[in-house]
Amino acid sequence: MNARLALSIDDRRTFADGHAFGDSGAYERLTGRVRFWADPVNGNHPTVTDLDKAPRNSDGLVEYTADFCLLKPVEMARGNRRVFFDYGNRGNKRALQFFNDAVGSGSPTALEHAGNGFLMRRGYTIAWLAWQGDLLPGDGRMLLDVPVVTDNGNPITGTVRNEYIVNAPGVSVMPLSGLAPSRSYPTVSLDTRQARLTRRRYAASPREAIPHDAWSFARLEESPAVDGLGRDRAVVPSDIHLYLHAGFETGWIYELMYEARDPRVLVSAICGTRLISF
C-alpha cells in the first residue's frame, strides 16, 4: 500500500444557529483530524523532498496528521454535491470572508460567519485542510503535524536567512521566523559569533553589521517584582528567539543569517491534499 488515511471527527455541531439557507437548508460544522501514512519508497511519494529521511513506523510508512473542517448541509441530498475547497494560507479560513462577505473567523460557528450565505445558498460543502507544517497553535489556525527529518539519525543543518522589520518602537525580541504564528528553525549554536546580524535602510542599501555582543539568541521574561513594586525581567537563552539589546529601530531591514537544524517534511501536505481529494 503506497498511502492511506484515517479520518476522525472530534466535534459536530449546528452551524449558524440552524439558519436555513434557501433550498440547501441548515448547515452543520464538522472538525477533526486526518491521519496520513505515506510510502517513501513506492508510488509517487519519492518525489517529495526529504520524505526518505523521515522516521517510519513498523510498516515502513511515514506518518503525519492534519486538521480539517467541513461546513455541509445537514441533509446532503439538498446540497449541490460539490466541494468548495479553501486552500487557506497560514492556517486561516478565508473562503467565507472573501466569497460570502462574512466576518473573518478561525472557528466559524455563528450566523455572522455565514455572511450573505452565498456558498451555502448554492449548496456547496466548504472544506478546509491544514497544509502548512510550520505553524504554531492559536487563533483557530489549521495545523499540520509533520515529522522532523534526519540524516541516518543525525541532525540535518543548513543556513537560514530571515529579515525583520518592526513598525512600532519598543520591540527588542523577535521569533527567529519573524512571525509569532510561524515555527522557527532552531539555531545550532547560541554563540552569536557563529551567526551574522546586519541592518540596512532600504532593500538595496549597504548592510551595516551589528556587533555580536549587541544581540543574543534569547527571549525576555517578566513577572511581578518580589517586593511587589514594579516588574522583574530576565534574559533567557533561547534557540528560537532573537534579542536585540538596544531594541529594533523602526523603518530598518534587519537580516539574520545563522546555521539552523531540524527541517520538516513540509511538502507532505501536498500529498495529503491529493490523497484526500480522492
Protein backbone atom coordinates (compact mmCIF):
# COMPACT_ATOMS: atom_id res chain seq x y z
CA MET A 1 0.00 0.00 0.00
CA ASN A 2 1.53 3.32 -1.12
CA ALA A 3 -0.61 5.61 1.02
CA ARG A 4 -3.71 5.63 3.17
CA LEU A 5 -5.59 7.87 5.56
CA ALA A 6 -7.94 7.73 8.53
CA LEU A 7 -10.38 10.48 9.41
CA SER A 8 -11.61 11.15 12.94
CA ILE A 9 -14.39 13.62 13.78
CA ASP A 10 -13.75 15.39 17.08
CA ASP A 11 -16.66 17.83 17.04
CA ARG A 12 -20.00 18.05 15.23
CA ARG A 13 -22.35 20.97 15.80
CA THR A 14 -25.11 23.05 14.22
CA PHE A 15 -23.83 25.97 12.15
CA ALA A 16 -25.34 29.47 12.25
CA ASP A 17 -27.91 28.53 14.91
CA GLY A 18 -29.69 26.23 12.46
CA HIS A 19 -30.43 29.03 9.98
CA ALA A 20 -31.91 27.67 6.73
CA PHE A 21 -30.01 28.74 3.60
CA GLY A 22 -32.75 28.58 0.99
CA ASP A 23 -33.19 25.22 -0.73
CA SER A 24 -29.95 23.95 0.88
CA GLY A 25 -31.48 24.10 4.35
CA ALA A 26 -29.50 24.18 7.57
CA TYR A 27 -25.76 23.52 7.76
CA GLU A 28 -23.55 21.78 10.28
CA ARG A 29 -19.85 22.01 11.08
CA LEU A 30 -17.54 19.03 11.44
CA THR A 31 -13.97 19.35 12.72
CA GLY A 32 -11.31 16.76 13.39
CA ARG A 33 -8.02 15.29 12.28
CA VAL A 34 -6.86 13.31 9.27
CA ARG A 35 -4.04 10.86 9.81
CA PHE A 36 -1.93 10.07 6.76
CA TRP A 37 0.51 7.26 6.01
CA ALA A 38 2.87 7.71 3.04
CA ASP A 39 5.26 5.22 1.48
CA PRO A 40 8.61 6.98 0.93
CA VAL A 41 9.80 4.30 -1.49
CA ASN A 42 6.92 3.28 -3.74
CA GLY A 43 4.40 5.25 -5.76
CA ASN A 44 4.72 8.99 -6.40
CA HIS A 45 5.92 9.88 -2.93
CA PRO A 46 9.69 9.53 -3.59
CA THR A 47 9.44 12.92 -5.37
CA VAL A 48 8.63 14.60 -2.03
CA THR A 49 11.75 16.38 -0.74
CA ASP A 50 13.32 14.63 2.27
CA LEU A 51 10.45 12.14 2.70
CA ASP A 52 13.05 9.36 2.54
CA LYS A 53 14.76 10.89 5.61
CA ALA A 54 11.63 10.98 7.79
CA PRO A 55 11.07 8.44 10.59
CA ARG A 56 9.00 5.40 9.61
CA ASN A 57 6.62 3.17 11.52
CA SER A 58 6.80 -0.62 11.70
CA ASP A 59 5.19 -0.85 8.25
CA GLY A 60 7.84 1.38 6.69
CA LEU A 61 5.42 4.30 6.26
CA VAL A 62 5.82 7.96 7.21
CA GLU A 63 3.01 9.33 9.39
CA TYR A 64 1.63 12.86 9.61
CA THR A 65 -1.67 14.43 10.67
CA ALA A 66 -3.73 17.46 9.62
CA ASP A 67 -6.69 19.42 10.94
CA PHE A 68 -9.82 19.52 8.82
CA CYS A 69 -13.07 21.48 8.94
CA LEU A 70 -16.27 20.96 6.95
CA LEU A 71 -19.40 23.05 6.59
CA LYS A 72 -22.06 20.88 4.94
CA PRO A 73 -25.83 20.70 4.54
CA VAL A 74 -27.45 18.71 7.34
CA GLU A 75 -29.43 16.96 4.60
CA MET A 76 -26.79 16.21 1.99
CA ALA A 77 -29.44 15.50 -0.65
CA ARG A 78 -30.30 19.21 -0.57
CA GLY A 79 -26.73 20.21 -1.48
CA ASN A 80 -25.24 20.50 -4.97
CA ARG A 81 -22.86 17.54 -4.49
CA ARG A 82 -19.85 19.81 -4.98
CA VAL A 83 -16.98 20.70 -2.63
CA PHE A 84 -15.59 24.21 -2.36
CA PHE A 85 -12.05 23.56 -1.11
CA ASP A 86 -10.33 26.50 0.57
CA TYR A 87 -6.55 26.14 0.49
CA GLY A 88 -6.29 28.64 3.35
CA ASN A 89 -3.00 30.47 3.74
CA ARG A 90 -1.12 30.30 7.07
CA GLY A 91 -3.81 28.07 8.60
CA ASN A 92 -6.59 30.63 8.16
CA LYS A 93 -10.12 30.07 6.89
CA ARG A 94 -10.86 32.84 4.39
CA ALA A 95 -13.46 31.41 1.98
CA LEU A 96 -16.49 32.75 3.86
CA GLN A 97 -14.84 36.11 4.35
CA PHE A 98 -14.00 36.51 0.66
CA PHE A 99 -16.97 34.80 -1.03
CA ASN A 100 -19.75 35.46 1.50
CA ASP A 101 -18.67 38.91 2.74
CA ALA A 102 -18.61 37.36 6.20
CA VAL A 103 -16.85 38.36 9.39
CA GLY A 104 -13.46 36.61 9.41
CA SER A 105 -13.12 33.77 11.91
CA GLY A 106 -10.77 30.88 12.58
CA SER A 107 -13.71 28.98 14.09
CA PRO A 108 -16.85 29.71 12.03
CA THR A 109 -19.98 28.80 14.00
CA ALA A 110 -22.28 31.85 14.25
CA LEU A 111 -24.68 33.30 11.70
CA GLU A 112 -22.39 36.31 11.18
CA HIS A 113 -19.71 33.89 9.97
CA ALA A 114 -22.02 32.86 7.11
CA GLY A 115 -22.15 36.42 5.79
CA ASN A 116 -24.64 36.69 2.95
CA GLY A 117 -24.80 32.89 2.68
CA PHE A 118 -23.65 32.85 -0.96
CA LEU A 119 -21.88 29.47 -0.89
CA MET A 120 -24.48 27.85 1.36
CA ARG A 121 -27.47 29.01 -0.67
CA ARG A 122 -25.86 27.34 -3.66
CA GLY A 123 -25.45 24.09 -1.78
CA TYR A 124 -21.66 23.83 -1.55
CA THR A 125 -19.86 21.80 1.07
CA ILE A 126 -16.99 24.04 2.20
CA ALA A 127 -13.84 22.18 3.19
CA TRP A 128 -10.57 23.21 4.79
CA LEU A 129 -7.49 21.02 5.31
CA ALA A 130 -4.29 22.11 7.03
CA TRP A 131 -1.34 22.04 4.66
CA GLN A 132 1.43 24.16 6.20
CA GLY A 133 3.55 22.34 8.77
CA ASP A 134 5.45 25.35 10.10
CA LEU A 135 2.58 26.85 12.11
CA LEU A 136 2.04 27.05 15.87
CA PRO A 137 -1.33 26.75 17.67
CA GLY A 138 -3.51 29.81 18.23
CA ASP A 139 -6.36 31.88 16.80
CA GLY A 140 -8.08 28.80 15.39
CA ARG A 141 -5.30 28.08 12.91
CA MET A 142 -5.40 24.80 10.99
CA LEU A 143 -2.35 22.75 12.00
CA LEU A 144 -0.36 20.15 10.13
CA ASP A 145 1.95 17.93 12.19
CA VAL A 146 4.84 16.65 10.10
CA PRO A 147 8.00 14.83 11.24
CA VAL A 148 11.49 16.24 11.61
CA VAL A 149 13.93 14.64 9.19
CA THR A 150 17.43 13.39 10.00
CA ASP A 151 20.45 12.03 8.18
CA ASN A 152 20.51 8.45 9.49
CA GLY A 153 19.61 9.71 12.95
CA ASN A 154 21.94 12.71 12.87
CA PRO A 155 20.54 16.27 12.83
CA ILE A 156 20.33 17.97 9.44
CA THR A 157 21.61 21.54 9.43
CA GLY A 158 21.71 24.37 6.94
CA THR A 159 21.97 28.13 6.58
CA VAL A 160 18.81 30.17 7.15
CA ARG A 161 18.34 33.83 6.24
CA ASN A 162 15.50 35.85 7.74
CA GLU A 163 14.54 39.51 7.58
CA TYR A 164 12.79 41.52 10.30
CA ILE A 165 11.01 44.88 10.05
CA VAL A 166 9.21 46.45 13.00
CA ASN A 167 6.55 49.12 12.59
CA ALA A 168 6.42 50.38 16.17
CA PRO A 169 9.09 51.21 18.76
CA GLY A 170 9.69 49.14 21.88
CA VAL A 171 10.34 45.78 20.20
CA SER A 172 13.53 44.02 21.28
CA VAL A 173 12.68 40.31 20.84
CA MET A 174 11.55 38.52 17.69
CA PRO A 175 11.00 34.83 16.95
CA LEU A 176 13.66 33.67 14.51
CA SER A 177 10.91 33.02 11.96
CA GLY A 178 9.90 36.68 12.17
CA LEU A 179 6.26 35.81 12.86
CA ALA A 180 4.70 34.64 16.12
CA PRO A 181 2.43 32.05 14.41
CA SER A 182 5.29 30.53 12.40
CA ARG A 183 7.58 27.83 13.75
CA SER A 184 11.24 28.85 13.84
CA TYR A 185 14.16 26.70 12.75
CA PRO A 186 16.28 26.38 15.93
CA THR A 187 19.82 27.68 15.80
CA VAL A 188 22.58 25.10 16.09
CA SER A 189 24.62 27.35 18.39
CA LEU A 190 23.72 30.14 20.81
CA ASP A 191 27.12 31.71 20.10
CA THR A 192 26.34 34.85 18.11
CA ARG A 193 29.84 34.76 16.64
CA GLN A 194 28.63 31.81 14.58
CA ALA A 195 25.90 33.96 13.01
CA ARG A 196 25.63 37.36 11.30
CA LEU A 197 23.13 40.13 12.06
CA THR A 198 23.00 43.23 9.86
CA ARG A 199 20.65 46.06 9.10
CA ARG A 200 20.07 48.32 6.12
CA ARG A 201 17.82 51.30 5.46
CA TYR A 202 16.42 50.17 2.13
CA ALA A 203 16.44 46.92 0.17
CA ALA A 204 19.43 47.96 -1.97
CA SER A 205 21.29 49.85 0.79
CA PRO A 206 24.66 48.61 2.10
CA ARG A 207 24.37 46.33 5.12
CA GLU A 208 25.62 47.55 8.49
CA ALA A 209 27.00 44.78 10.70
CA ILE A 210 25.63 44.66 14.25
CA PRO A 211 28.31 43.66 16.82
CA HIS A 212 28.00 40.13 18.18
CA ASP A 213 27.82 41.41 21.77
CA ALA A 214 24.87 43.69 20.93
CA TRP A 215 22.41 40.84 20.48
CA SER A 216 21.68 37.33 21.72
CA PHE A 217 19.79 34.18 20.90
CA ALA A 218 17.41 34.76 23.81
CA ARG A 219 13.96 35.87 24.92
CA LEU A 220 12.76 38.15 27.73
CA GLU A 221 10.56 37.01 30.60
CA GLU A 222 8.78 39.29 33.05
CA SER A 223 6.91 38.83 36.32
CA PRO A 224 5.75 40.97 39.24
CA ALA A 225 8.75 42.00 41.34
CA VAL A 226 9.35 40.06 44.56
CA ASP A 227 8.83 43.22 46.61
CA GLY A 228 5.54 43.90 44.85
CA LEU A 229 6.88 47.06 43.27
CA GLY A 230 7.26 47.12 39.52
CA ARG A 231 8.27 44.10 37.47
CA ASP A 232 11.33 41.87 37.26
CA ARG A 233 12.81 40.95 33.90
CA ALA A 234 15.11 38.11 32.92
CA VAL A 235 17.03 37.27 29.75
CA VAL A 236 16.55 33.57 28.96
CA PRO A 237 18.73 31.81 26.36
CA SER A 238 16.57 30.54 23.51
CA ASP A 239 17.43 28.76 20.28
CA ILE A 240 14.33 30.17 18.55
CA HIS A 241 14.44 33.88 19.52
CA LEU A 242 16.49 36.93 18.56
CA TYR A 243 17.06 39.54 21.28
CA LEU A 244 18.50 42.88 20.18
CA HIS A 245 19.68 44.54 23.38
CA ALA A 246 19.01 48.14 22.31
CA GLY A 247 15.78 47.23 20.53
CA PHE A 248 14.82 47.22 16.86
CA GLU A 249 14.63 50.59 15.17
CA THR A 250 11.55 51.18 13.04
CA GLY A 251 11.98 51.51 9.30
CA TRP A 252 15.14 49.39 9.10
CA ILE A 253 15.54 45.99 7.49
CA TYR A 254 17.32 43.62 9.86
CA GLU A 255 18.82 40.46 8.38
CA LEU A 256 19.98 37.40 10.30
CA MET A 257 21.96 34.54 8.82
CA TYR A 258 22.51 31.53 11.05
CA GLU A 259 23.05 27.78 11.00
CA ALA A 260 19.76 26.04 11.74
CA ARG A 261 18.69 22.46 12.39
CA ASP A 262 15.70 20.10 12.26
CA PRO A 263 13.91 20.69 8.94
CA ARG A 264 10.49 19.11 8.46
CA VAL A 265 8.79 17.32 5.57
CA LEU A 266 6.64 20.31 4.67
CA VAL A 267 5.77 19.14 1.15
CA SER A 268 3.99 16.09 2.60
CA ALA A 269 0.93 18.33 2.94
CA ILE A 270 0.56 18.46 -0.82
CA CYS A 271 0.46 14.66 -0.87
CA GLY A 272 -2.21 14.76 1.82
CA THR A 273 -4.37 17.14 -0.20
CA ARG A 274 -4.02 14.95 -3.27
CA LEU A 275 -4.84 11.83 -1.30
CA ILE A 276 -7.93 13.16 0.48
CA SER A 277 -9.31 14.61 -2.76
CA PHE A 278 -9.97 11.07 -3.95
